[in-house]
Amino acid sequence: MGRMGKATYDAIEPYYKDHIIGIDLDPKKATQYQTANKYVVRGDATNPDFWVRAPNLLDNLEWVLLTLPTHKANINTVKLLKKMHYHGRIAAITKHPDEEAELKAIGIEKTFNIYIEAGLGFANDIKISNADKVK
């Protein structure tokens, strides 16, 4: 899942406790997550064989949240999901505005620019902590 995937999983898990699945390429990390009572499977979301081995998974997913390390990996995974007739919603992280446009052009519903989101989060934390000082 990586750092971004883990942060995303942890943030939404309280709301979707029994309806969330993470994917991690590293078997040791997948096992660590499982030991921590997280529903994480070992696999590679960019590999068609992963999705072929779990055909019902695609039918039952409402959202696929892509937090892959590269834009190319996100693009390839979206194309793969579309090719496999996934009809749910897809969101992905990006680093640059042109990546957002490219992903939306191939069917991504929602993108999250990690730099903008981190900057907004940082600014909001500063505003909140300074609000106490202003009073």
Protein backbone atom coordinates (compact mmCIF):
# COMPACT_ATOMS: atom_id res chain seq x y z
CA MET A 1 0.00 0.00 0.00
CA GLY A 2 2.85 2.37 0.62
CA ARG A 3 2.66 5.43 2.84
CA MET A 4 -0.14 7.08 0.90
CA GLY A 5 -2.21 3.91 0.66
CA LYS A 6 -1.77 3.20 4.37
CA ALA A 7 -2.78 6.76 5.28
CA THR A 8 -5.84 6.47 3.04
CA TYR A 9 -6.78 3.07 4.45
CA ASP A 10 -6.39 4.31 8.04
CA ALA A 11 -8.47 7.43 7.35
CA ILE A 12 -11.44 5.62 5.81
CA GLU A 13 -11.34 2.38 7.79
CA PRO A 14 -13.55 3.67 10.64
CA TYR A 15 -16.30 4.41 8.11
CA TYR A 16 -15.95 1.25 6.01
CA LYS A 17 -14.58 -1.26 8.54
CA ASP A 18 -15.85 -4.41 6.86
CA HIS A 19 -15.97 -2.98 3.35
CA ILE A 20 -12.37 -2.02 2.59
CA ILE A 21 -9.48 -3.96 1.13
CA GLY A 22 -5.89 -2.90 0.68
CA ILE A 23 -3.37 -4.35 -1.73
CA ASP A 24 0.36 -4.52 -1.00
CA LEU A 25 3.03 -5.94 -3.25
CA ASP A 26 5.33 -6.82 -0.34
CA PRO A 27 4.32 -10.12 1.27
CA LYS A 28 5.91 -9.14 4.62
CA LYS A 29 3.96 -5.89 4.77
CA ALA A 30 0.72 -7.60 3.76
CA THR A 31 1.22 -10.07 6.60
CA GLN A 32 2.00 -7.23 9.04
CA TYR A 33 -1.22 -5.47 8.05
CA GLN A 34 -3.18 -8.70 8.45
CA THR A 35 -1.64 -9.22 11.90
CA ALA A 36 -2.87 -5.70 12.77
CA ASN A 37 -6.42 -6.77 11.76
CA LYS A 38 -6.40 -4.87 8.50
CA TYR A 39 -7.88 -6.52 5.43
CA VAL A 40 -4.89 -6.35 3.12
CA VAL A 41 -3.97 -8.89 0.47
CA ARG A 42 -0.67 -9.44 -1.23
CA GLY A 43 -0.82 -8.51 -4.88
CA ASP A 44 0.08 -6.13 -7.65
CA ALA A 45 -2.83 -3.96 -8.79
CA THR A 46 -0.95 -3.19 -12.01
CA ASN A 47 -0.85 -6.87 -12.97
CA PRO A 48 -3.83 -8.27 -14.89
CA ASP A 49 -3.30 -11.67 -13.24
CA PHE A 50 -4.17 -10.17 -9.85
CA TRP A 51 -7.60 -9.07 -11.07
CA VAL A 52 -8.18 -12.26 -13.08
CA ARG A 53 -7.57 -14.33 -9.92
CA ALA A 54 -10.23 -12.30 -8.09
CA PRO A 55 -13.01 -11.79 -10.67
CA ASN A 56 -15.75 -11.19 -8.10
CA LEU A 57 -13.68 -8.48 -6.49
CA LEU A 58 -14.22 -6.13 -9.42
CA ASP A 59 -17.96 -6.79 -9.44
CA ASN A 60 -18.31 -5.78 -5.81
CA LEU A 61 -16.04 -2.74 -5.64
CA GLU A 62 -17.73 0.62 -5.48
CA TRP A 63 -14.44 2.56 -5.52
CA VAL A 64 -10.85 1.82 -6.48
CA LEU A 65 -8.48 4.31 -4.87
CA LEU A 66 -5.13 4.31 -6.63
CA THR A 67 -2.15 5.47 -4.59
CA LEU A 68 0.47 3.95 -6.82
CA PRO A 69 3.98 5.46 -6.80
CA THR A 70 4.03 6.64 -10.41
CA HIS A 71 1.63 8.36 -12.75
CA LYS A 72 2.33 5.71 -15.39
CA ALA A 73 1.32 2.96 -12.93
CA ASN A 74 -1.96 4.80 -12.23
CA ILE A 75 -2.63 5.22 -15.97
CA ASN A 76 -1.88 1.58 -16.73
CA THR A 77 -4.06 0.37 -13.86
CA VAL A 78 -7.01 2.53 -14.95
CA LYS A 79 -6.69 1.18 -18.49
CA LEU A 80 -6.48 -2.36 -17.14
CA LEU A 81 -9.57 -1.91 -14.97
CA LYS A 82 -11.52 -0.48 -17.91
CA LYS A 83 -10.37 -3.33 -20.14
CA MET A 84 -11.62 -5.79 -17.52
CA HIS A 85 -15.03 -4.02 -17.56
CA TYR A 86 -14.82 -2.47 -14.11
CA HIS A 87 -17.78 -0.08 -13.90
CA GLY A 88 -17.24 1.34 -10.43
CA ARG A 89 -15.67 4.64 -9.54
CA ILE A 90 -11.94 5.33 -9.60
CA ALA A 91 -9.87 7.94 -7.80
CA ALA A 92 -6.11 8.46 -7.95
CA ILE A 93 -3.35 10.56 -6.48
CA THR A 94 -1.38 12.92 -8.70
CA LYS A 95 1.58 15.26 -8.41
CA HIS A 96 0.99 17.64 -11.30
CA PRO A 97 -2.07 19.29 -12.94
CA ASP A 98 -1.35 17.66 -16.32
CA GLU A 99 -1.57 14.25 -14.64
CA GLU A 100 -5.01 15.12 -13.28
CA ALA A 101 -6.23 16.07 -16.76
CA GLU A 102 -4.84 12.89 -18.31
CA LEU A 103 -6.45 10.67 -15.68
CA LYS A 104 -9.81 12.39 -15.97
CA ALA A 105 -9.66 12.01 -19.75
CA ILE A 106 -9.50 8.21 -19.38
CA GLY A 107 -12.30 7.96 -16.86
CA ILE A 108 -10.98 8.77 -13.39
CA GLU A 109 -13.74 10.40 -11.40
CA LYS A 110 -11.64 12.05 -8.72
CA THR A 111 -8.00 13.06 -8.42
CA PHE A 112 -6.06 14.27 -5.41
CA ASN A 113 -2.93 16.29 -6.00
CA ILE A 114 -0.72 15.20 -3.10
CA TYR A 115 1.14 18.52 -2.93
CA ILE A 116 -2.02 20.64 -2.93
CA GLU A 117 -3.76 18.38 -0.41
CA ALA A 118 -0.69 18.34 1.87
CA GLY A 119 -0.41 22.13 1.60
CA LEU A 120 -4.08 22.60 2.42
CA GLY A 121 -3.84 20.24 5.37
CA PHE A 122 -0.76 22.03 6.67
CA ALA A 123 -2.40 25.44 6.29
CA ASN A 124 -5.59 24.24 7.99
CA ASP A 125 -3.60 22.86 10.92
CA ILE A 126 -1.80 26.19 11.29
CA LYS A 127 -5.11 28.11 11.15
CA ILE A 128 -6.65 25.85 13.77
CA SER A 129 -3.68 26.06 16.14
CA ASN A 130 -3.43 29.83 15.71
CA ALA A 131 -7.18 30.30 16.27
CA ASP A 132 -6.67 29.51 19.95
CA LYS A 133 -3.96 32.17 20.21
CA VAL A 134 -6.14 34.87 18.61
CA LYS A 135 -8.94 34.51 21.16
